[in-house]
Amino acid sequence: MKSILAPPYEILIAKHTGMCFGVRQAIEATETLLKKNTATILGQLAHNPTVKSRLVAKGARTAPLEKSQAPTKQVIITAHGAADRDRKRWTNAGYQVTDTTCPLVKVAHAKLAKVVAEGFQPVIIGKEGHVEVRGLQGDFPKARVILHPDDIATIPHVKRIGIISQTTQPIDRVRALVNEVRKQRPEVEVVYFDTVCYPTKDRQTALHELCHAAELVFAIGGKNSNNTAQLARTARKLGCKAYHIEAPNDIKPEWLDGIRKIGVTAGTSTLDESLEAVVLHLQALAKTQKSFTKQLSKAS
């Protein structure tokens, strides 16, 4: 964990934070393609408005993955992945498809296919409607998506259940749900493949360390970034005040009143410069706050 002294407080940056290799590779592949051709991103390459703005400025267009029409002949599958049927639909419609699916999302697809091939009722632990979950469920519509213990009732009563997870779910939640399935269905054979990606695990582990030291945590990332939202929620569960922010201007100075140790972390789709901008803003606020305190002291 990195520490930056900015009296009257200390800024602590999580050991593992920010953009993961899968999103970074997707952005690099897209930018390389845009140097040669215009291209359409099918959805959001990453759940981050800064990333979207940067790619649009370089000529990227956007279109829904669920459709079969785009303004360019080159189309891009995002880092979150897609169902094979979606890839085939775009290819069959005459488009040139570039696939930037994160390799670890591909692992989740492979494990789900294995579960189905071996005759298990497929179950996905994840957020219903999330683009990654839609991609996983797309080729296996009989898969059930669960996120809470009450959702287990929606799983058909079968003899064998095979469970995988959305890659960005907190591993503690996933393990607890798997145990709950086994508890509620003791007569059922339950197999579980751990498909939570290691960048997510690393960031969650680093967050625990951060929360032991910090009083307040800022989780930086797009408002629709699931893993960033999870970081903020987990920080609150660990006893920290926590805010999910997109940019420095989201920070309200009054949040810092009386705080001596501020923790900073970021989601797996957050650019390095976004994290740096927040840290610089906190340093600037510290100088303002220190100056204001001095003025009050002189006045008294």
Protein backbone atom coordinates (compact mmCIF):
# COMPACT_ATOMS: atom_id res chain seq x y z
CA MET A 1 0.00 0.00 0.00
CA LYS A 2 1.40 3.38 -1.02
CA SER A 3 1.22 6.28 1.41
CA ILE A 4 1.21 10.00 0.51
CA LEU A 5 1.41 12.54 3.31
CA ALA A 6 -0.83 15.54 2.61
CA PRO A 7 -1.40 17.21 5.99
CA PRO A 8 -3.88 17.31 7.63
CA TYR A 9 -4.42 13.78 6.34
CA GLU A 10 -2.61 10.82 4.81
CA ILE A 11 -3.66 9.33 1.45
CA LEU A 12 -3.37 5.54 1.23
CA ILE A 13 -3.51 3.88 -2.19
CA ALA A 14 -4.49 0.21 -2.34
CA LYS A 15 -1.75 -2.26 -3.26
CA HIS A 16 -3.83 -3.66 -6.13
CA THR A 17 -6.08 -1.17 -7.86
CA GLY A 18 -7.24 0.18 -11.19
CA MET A 19 -7.40 -1.19 -14.68
CA CYS A 20 -6.93 -4.93 -15.16
CA PHE A 21 -4.97 -6.49 -18.00
CA GLY A 22 -8.12 -7.67 -19.79
CA VAL A 23 -9.59 -4.17 -20.13
CA ARG A 24 -6.18 -2.70 -20.95
CA GLN A 25 -5.71 -5.23 -23.79
CA ALA A 26 -9.21 -4.50 -25.12
CA ILE A 27 -8.51 -0.76 -25.23
CA GLU A 28 -5.13 -1.26 -26.91
CA ALA A 29 -6.64 -3.60 -29.54
CA THR A 30 -9.44 -1.12 -30.24
CA GLU A 31 -7.08 1.85 -30.55
CA THR A 32 -4.84 -0.13 -32.90
CA LEU A 33 -7.84 -0.95 -35.09
CA LEU A 34 -9.02 2.66 -35.09
CA LYS A 35 -5.68 3.81 -36.51
CA LYS A 36 -6.51 1.85 -39.67
CA ASN A 37 -10.30 1.82 -39.90
CA THR A 38 -13.41 3.27 -38.39
CA ALA A 39 -15.08 0.71 -36.16
CA THR A 40 -18.21 0.24 -34.08
CA ILE A 41 -18.05 -0.96 -30.48
CA LEU A 42 -20.97 -3.26 -29.70
CA GLY A 43 -21.93 -1.87 -26.30
CA GLN A 44 -19.42 -0.33 -23.90
CA LEU A 45 -15.86 -1.57 -24.25
CA ALA A 46 -15.46 -0.96 -20.52
CA HIS A 47 -17.84 0.53 -17.99
CA ASN A 48 -16.02 3.83 -17.81
CA PRO A 49 -17.18 7.15 -19.36
CA THR A 50 -13.60 8.42 -19.74
CA VAL A 51 -12.66 5.35 -21.80
CA LYS A 52 -15.76 5.80 -23.95
CA SER A 53 -15.01 9.49 -24.60
CA ARG A 54 -11.40 8.74 -25.50
CA LEU A 55 -12.35 6.07 -28.02
CA VAL A 56 -15.14 8.15 -29.56
CA ALA A 57 -12.62 10.99 -30.00
CA LYS A 58 -10.45 8.55 -31.97
CA GLY A 59 -13.30 7.68 -34.31
CA ALA A 60 -15.13 4.83 -32.59
CA ARG A 61 -18.87 4.47 -33.13
CA THR A 62 -21.27 2.51 -30.92
CA ALA A 63 -24.20 0.17 -31.51
CA PRO A 64 -26.13 -2.35 -29.39
CA LEU A 65 -24.75 -5.89 -29.39
CA GLU A 66 -28.31 -7.25 -29.59
CA LYS A 67 -28.91 -5.67 -33.02
CA SER A 68 -27.41 -6.65 -36.38
CA GLN A 69 -26.79 -3.24 -37.90
CA ALA A 70 -23.83 -0.92 -37.38
CA PRO A 71 -22.57 2.24 -39.12
CA THR A 72 -19.25 0.58 -39.99
CA LYS A 73 -18.22 -2.78 -41.43
CA GLN A 74 -15.77 -3.34 -38.57
CA VAL A 75 -17.43 -4.20 -35.25
CA ILE A 76 -15.87 -4.92 -31.86
CA ILE A 77 -17.00 -7.37 -29.18
CA THR A 78 -16.23 -5.76 -25.82
CA ALA A 79 -14.05 -6.98 -22.95
CA HIS A 80 -17.19 -8.29 -21.22
CA GLY A 81 -17.66 -10.92 -23.92
CA ALA A 82 -20.71 -12.14 -25.79
CA ALA A 83 -22.60 -15.30 -26.59
CA ASP A 84 -21.38 -17.30 -29.58
CA ARG A 85 -24.75 -16.82 -31.23
CA ASP A 86 -24.21 -13.03 -31.14
CA ARG A 87 -20.78 -13.36 -32.79
CA LYS A 88 -22.25 -15.61 -35.49
CA ARG A 89 -25.16 -13.24 -36.10
CA TRP A 90 -22.83 -10.33 -36.78
CA THR A 91 -20.52 -12.43 -38.93
CA ASN A 92 -23.43 -13.83 -40.93
CA ALA A 93 -24.70 -10.28 -41.46
CA GLY A 94 -21.44 -9.50 -43.29
CA TYR A 95 -19.52 -7.63 -40.60
CA GLN A 96 -15.85 -8.08 -39.74
CA VAL A 97 -15.78 -8.94 -36.05
CA THR A 98 -12.87 -8.12 -33.73
CA ASP A 99 -13.21 -9.90 -30.40
CA THR A 100 -11.65 -8.16 -27.37
CA THR A 101 -13.22 -10.46 -24.77
CA CYS A 102 -11.10 -10.70 -21.63
CA PRO A 103 -9.29 -14.09 -21.52
CA LEU A 104 -10.65 -14.70 -18.02
CA VAL A 105 -14.22 -14.12 -19.22
CA LYS A 106 -13.53 -16.74 -21.89
CA VAL A 107 -12.57 -19.15 -19.09
CA ALA A 108 -15.98 -18.58 -17.49
CA HIS A 109 -17.68 -19.35 -20.83
CA ALA A 110 -15.62 -22.55 -21.18
CA LYS A 111 -16.48 -23.71 -17.65
CA LEU A 112 -20.17 -23.05 -18.22
CA ALA A 113 -20.06 -25.07 -21.46
CA LYS A 114 -18.36 -27.90 -19.53
CA VAL A 115 -21.07 -27.88 -16.87
CA VAL A 116 -23.79 -28.13 -19.53
CA ALA A 117 -21.96 -30.81 -21.54
CA GLU A 118 -21.65 -32.98 -18.44
CA GLY A 119 -25.38 -32.82 -17.76
CA PHE A 120 -25.52 -30.41 -14.82
CA GLN A 121 -28.19 -27.75 -14.38
CA PRO A 122 -26.15 -24.58 -15.09
CA VAL A 123 -26.17 -21.81 -12.49
CA ILE A 124 -24.42 -18.44 -12.79
CA ILE A 125 -23.70 -16.39 -9.69
CA GLY A 126 -23.91 -12.82 -10.94
CA LYS A 127 -25.95 -9.72 -11.55
CA GLU A 128 -29.01 -10.33 -13.72
CA GLY A 129 -28.83 -8.18 -16.85
CA HIS A 130 -25.12 -7.38 -16.59
CA VAL A 131 -23.52 -7.60 -20.05
CA GLU A 132 -21.11 -10.37 -19.00
CA VAL A 133 -23.93 -12.40 -17.48
CA ARG A 134 -26.09 -11.90 -20.57
CA GLY A 135 -23.20 -13.22 -22.66
CA LEU A 136 -22.79 -16.27 -20.43
CA GLN A 137 -26.50 -17.01 -20.42
CA GLY A 138 -26.96 -16.28 -24.12
CA ASP A 139 -25.83 -19.70 -25.37
CA PHE A 140 -27.39 -21.53 -22.42
CA PRO A 141 -30.82 -19.96 -21.80
CA LYS A 142 -31.68 -22.66 -19.25
CA ALA A 143 -28.96 -21.33 -16.94
CA ARG A 144 -30.29 -19.75 -13.77
CA VAL A 145 -28.76 -16.52 -12.47
CA ILE A 146 -28.59 -16.08 -8.70
CA LEU A 147 -27.16 -13.33 -6.50
CA HIS A 148 -28.92 -13.79 -3.14
CA PRO A 149 -29.91 -16.84 -1.06
CA ASP A 150 -33.59 -16.28 -1.91
CA ASP A 151 -32.74 -16.75 -5.60
CA ILE A 152 -31.82 -20.40 -4.99
CA ALA A 153 -35.54 -21.24 -5.05
CA THR A 154 -35.54 -20.45 -8.80
CA ILE A 155 -33.12 -23.33 -9.53
CA PRO A 156 -35.02 -26.37 -10.86
CA HIS A 157 -35.16 -29.40 -8.58
CA VAL A 158 -32.66 -31.64 -10.31
CA LYS A 159 -30.06 -34.19 -9.24
CA ARG A 160 -26.99 -32.27 -10.41
CA ILE A 161 -26.16 -28.55 -10.29
CA GLY A 162 -23.08 -26.93 -11.83
CA ILE A 163 -22.13 -23.43 -10.66
CA ILE A 164 -19.85 -20.79 -12.18
CA SER A 165 -19.59 -17.08 -11.43
CA GLN A 166 -19.48 -13.71 -13.12
CA THR A 167 -15.78 -12.82 -13.06
CA THR A 168 -16.21 -9.60 -11.04
CA GLN A 169 -18.24 -10.92 -8.12
CA PRO A 170 -16.74 -10.78 -4.60
CA ILE A 171 -15.31 -14.23 -3.93
CA ASP A 172 -16.69 -14.29 -0.36
CA ARG A 173 -20.22 -13.79 -1.67
CA VAL A 174 -19.74 -16.51 -4.29
CA ARG A 175 -18.42 -19.08 -1.79
CA ALA A 176 -21.23 -18.27 0.65
CA LEU A 177 -23.85 -18.79 -2.08
CA VAL A 178 -22.31 -22.09 -3.18
CA ASN A 179 -22.41 -23.27 0.44
CA GLU A 180 -26.01 -22.11 0.71
CA VAL A 181 -26.99 -24.10 -2.39
CA ARG A 182 -25.43 -27.20 -0.83
CA LYS A 183 -27.23 -26.48 2.44
CA GLN A 184 -30.63 -25.98 0.81
CA ARG A 185 -30.23 -28.91 -1.60
CA PRO A 186 -28.33 -31.55 0.46
CA GLU A 187 -29.53 -34.37 -1.78
CA VAL A 188 -28.10 -32.75 -4.92
CA GLU A 189 -24.64 -33.21 -6.44
CA VAL A 190 -23.20 -29.69 -6.64
CA VAL A 191 -20.02 -28.85 -8.55
CA TYR A 192 -18.48 -25.39 -8.50
CA PHE A 193 -15.87 -23.82 -10.76
CA ASP A 194 -14.20 -20.70 -9.36
CA THR A 195 -14.33 -18.24 -12.27
CA VAL A 196 -13.91 -15.03 -10.26
CA CYS A 197 -10.91 -13.41 -11.94
CA TYR A 198 -7.70 -12.86 -10.01
CA PRO A 199 -7.63 -9.07 -10.61
CA THR A 200 -10.99 -8.87 -8.82
CA LYS A 201 -9.71 -11.07 -5.99
CA ASP A 202 -6.51 -9.01 -5.71
CA ARG A 203 -8.47 -5.77 -5.46
CA GLN A 204 -10.86 -7.17 -2.87
CA THR A 205 -7.95 -8.50 -0.77
CA ALA A 206 -6.10 -5.18 -1.04
CA LEU A 207 -9.31 -3.39 -0.01
CA HIS A 208 -9.41 -5.35 3.26
CA GLU A 209 -5.88 -4.16 4.00
CA LEU A 210 -6.81 -0.60 3.03
CA CYS A 211 -9.87 -0.55 5.29
CA HIS A 212 -7.83 -1.68 8.29
CA ALA A 213 -5.81 1.54 7.95
CA ALA A 214 -8.23 4.09 6.47
CA GLU A 215 -11.28 5.85 7.91
CA LEU A 216 -12.70 6.87 4.53
CA VAL A 217 -12.39 5.13 1.15
CA PHE A 218 -12.97 6.44 -2.36
CA ALA A 219 -13.69 3.75 -4.98
CA ILE A 220 -13.06 5.29 -8.40
CA GLY A 221 -14.86 4.06 -11.50
CA GLY A 222 -17.83 4.43 -13.82
CA LYS A 223 -21.21 4.61 -12.12
CA ASN A 224 -22.26 1.47 -14.01
CA SER A 225 -19.07 -0.42 -13.11
CA ASN A 226 -20.17 -3.45 -11.11
CA ASN A 227 -16.77 -4.20 -9.64
CA THR A 228 -16.25 -0.57 -8.52
CA ALA A 229 -19.66 -0.59 -6.82
CA GLN A 230 -18.67 -3.84 -5.12
CA LEU A 231 -15.50 -2.21 -3.79
CA ALA A 232 -17.50 0.62 -2.24
CA ARG A 233 -20.07 -1.77 -0.73
CA THR A 234 -17.37 -4.04 0.69
CA ALA A 235 -15.55 -1.07 2.23
CA ARG A 236 -18.75 -0.07 4.04
CA LYS A 237 -19.21 -3.61 5.32
CA LEU A 238 -15.66 -3.44 6.67
CA GLY A 239 -16.55 -0.36 8.68
CA CYS A 240 -15.25 2.46 6.48
CA LYS A 241 -17.13 5.40 5.14
CA ALA A 242 -17.00 4.81 1.39
CA TYR A 243 -18.01 6.68 -1.75
CA HIS A 244 -18.20 5.44 -5.34
CA ILE A 245 -16.96 8.34 -7.48
CA GLU A 246 -16.19 8.84 -11.17
CA ALA A 247 -14.07 11.98 -11.03
CA PRO A 248 -12.39 14.40 -8.60
CA ASN A 249 -15.28 16.86 -8.77
CA ASP A 250 -17.56 14.24 -7.21
CA ILE A 251 -15.72 14.70 -3.90
CA LYS A 252 -17.44 17.00 -1.43
CA PRO A 253 -14.91 18.77 0.85
CA GLU A 254 -17.14 18.23 3.90
CA TRP A 255 -16.66 14.47 3.52
CA LEU A 256 -13.05 15.03 4.62
CA ASP A 257 -13.85 16.91 7.84
CA GLY A 258 -12.07 15.24 10.75
CA ILE A 259 -10.59 12.50 8.53
CA ARG A 260 -6.92 11.69 9.01
CA LYS A 261 -6.47 8.65 6.78
CA ILE A 262 -8.10 8.48 3.32
CA GLY A 263 -8.02 5.26 1.28
CA VAL A 264 -8.15 5.24 -2.51
CA THR A 265 -8.94 2.28 -4.76
CA ALA A 266 -10.31 1.89 -8.29
CA GLY A 267 -12.28 -0.59 -10.36
CA THR A 268 -10.83 -2.83 -13.05
CA SER A 269 -12.01 -0.53 -15.86
CA THR A 270 -10.61 2.67 -14.36
CA LEU A 271 -7.77 4.47 -16.15
CA ASP A 272 -4.56 5.20 -14.25
CA GLU A 273 -4.97 8.91 -14.96
CA SER A 274 -8.39 8.90 -13.27
CA LEU A 275 -6.88 7.57 -10.07
CA GLU A 276 -3.99 10.04 -10.30
CA ALA A 277 -6.42 12.92 -10.81
CA VAL A 278 -8.30 12.02 -7.62
CA VAL A 279 -5.08 11.81 -5.61
CA LEU A 280 -3.92 15.21 -6.93
CA HIS A 281 -7.32 16.69 -6.11
CA LEU A 282 -7.12 15.34 -2.55
CA GLN A 283 -3.66 16.89 -2.17
CA ALA A 284 -5.00 20.23 -3.41
CA LEU A 285 -7.94 20.04 -0.99
CA ALA A 286 -5.49 19.32 1.83
CA LYS A 287 -3.60 22.54 1.09
CA THR A 288 -6.87 24.51 1.03
CA GLN A 289 -8.03 22.94 4.27
CA LYS A 290 -4.67 23.57 5.96
CA SER A 291 -4.70 27.22 4.85
CA PHE A 292 -8.26 27.65 6.10
CA THR A 293 -7.34 26.15 9.48
CA LYS A 294 -4.42 28.58 9.82
CA GLN A 295 -6.71 31.53 9.05
CA LEU A 296 -9.17 30.41 11.72
CA SER A 297 -6.35 30.03 14.21
CA LYS A 298 -5.09 33.59 13.55
CA ALA A 299 -8.60 35.00 13.77
CA SER A 300 -9.13 33.44 17.18
